Amino acid sequence: MLATMFDHDRLGVYELAIEYTAEPFAVAKALPGLHRHARDPWLRAAQSIPLIRCLLG
């Protein structure tokens, strides 16, 4: 079965956004619960970058 490749998958910007999204999650694992108020919005923002990139094409 062939994998479907969408237009946004071909963009270097999209690939960089996916790589960036992984970094905050790695760092956030080390943050204690006390920093939850900063961690959660940071992770949501990191996830939104590639999603917006997909929508804008």
Protein backbone atom coordinates (compact mmCIF):
# COMPACT_ATOMS: atom_id res chain seq x y z
CA MET A 1 0.00 0.00 0.00
CA LEU A 2 1.35 3.40 -0.95
CA ALA A 3 1.49 6.14 1.64
CA THR A 4 -0.38 9.29 0.75
CA MET A 5 1.74 12.42 0.74
CA PHE A 6 -0.06 15.70 1.18
CA ASP A 7 1.25 19.02 -0.09
CA HIS A 8 2.17 20.20 3.39
CA ASP A 9 4.29 17.06 3.90
CA ARG A 10 6.59 18.21 1.12
CA LEU A 11 7.39 21.52 2.78
CA GLY A 12 10.62 21.95 4.71
CA VAL A 13 8.83 24.34 7.03
CA TYR A 14 6.39 21.62 8.02
CA GLU A 15 9.23 19.22 8.80
CA LEU A 16 10.91 21.85 10.98
CA ALA A 17 7.62 22.51 12.77
CA ILE A 18 7.25 18.80 13.58
CA GLU A 19 10.82 18.68 14.90
CA TYR A 20 10.21 21.77 17.02
CA THR A 21 7.01 20.28 18.43
CA ALA A 22 8.94 17.32 19.83
CA GLU A 23 11.44 19.51 21.72
CA PRO A 24 9.00 21.19 24.15
CA PHE A 25 7.52 17.81 25.03
CA ALA A 26 10.98 16.47 25.89
CA VAL A 27 11.75 19.52 28.06
CA ALA A 28 8.28 19.54 29.66
CA LYS A 29 8.78 16.03 31.03
CA ALA A 30 11.48 17.42 33.32
CA LEU A 31 9.32 20.27 34.64
CA PRO A 32 7.74 19.60 38.03
CA GLY A 33 4.01 19.97 38.61
CA LEU A 34 4.61 23.41 40.08
CA HIS A 35 5.29 24.73 36.56
CA ARG A 36 2.11 23.30 35.07
CA HIS A 37 0.68 26.78 34.47
CA ALA A 38 3.54 27.51 32.07
CA ARG A 39 3.96 24.03 30.62
CA ASP A 40 0.44 23.40 29.29
CA PRO A 41 0.08 26.57 27.17
CA TRP A 42 3.61 26.06 25.85
CA LEU A 43 2.77 22.55 24.67
CA ARG A 44 -0.51 23.67 23.08
CA ALA A 45 1.31 26.46 21.25
CA ALA A 46 3.98 24.04 20.02
CA GLN A 47 1.29 21.70 18.67
CA SER A 48 -0.53 24.51 16.90
CA ILE A 49 2.47 25.43 14.71
CA PRO A 50 2.35 22.37 12.41
CA LEU A 51 -1.45 22.35 12.48
CA ILE A 52 -1.63 25.92 11.24
CA ARG A 53 1.02 25.12 8.64
CA CYS A 54 -1.21 22.30 7.32
CA LEU A 55 -4.23 24.55 7.10
CA LEU A 56 -2.41 27.31 5.27
CA GLY A 57 -0.73 24.90 2.88
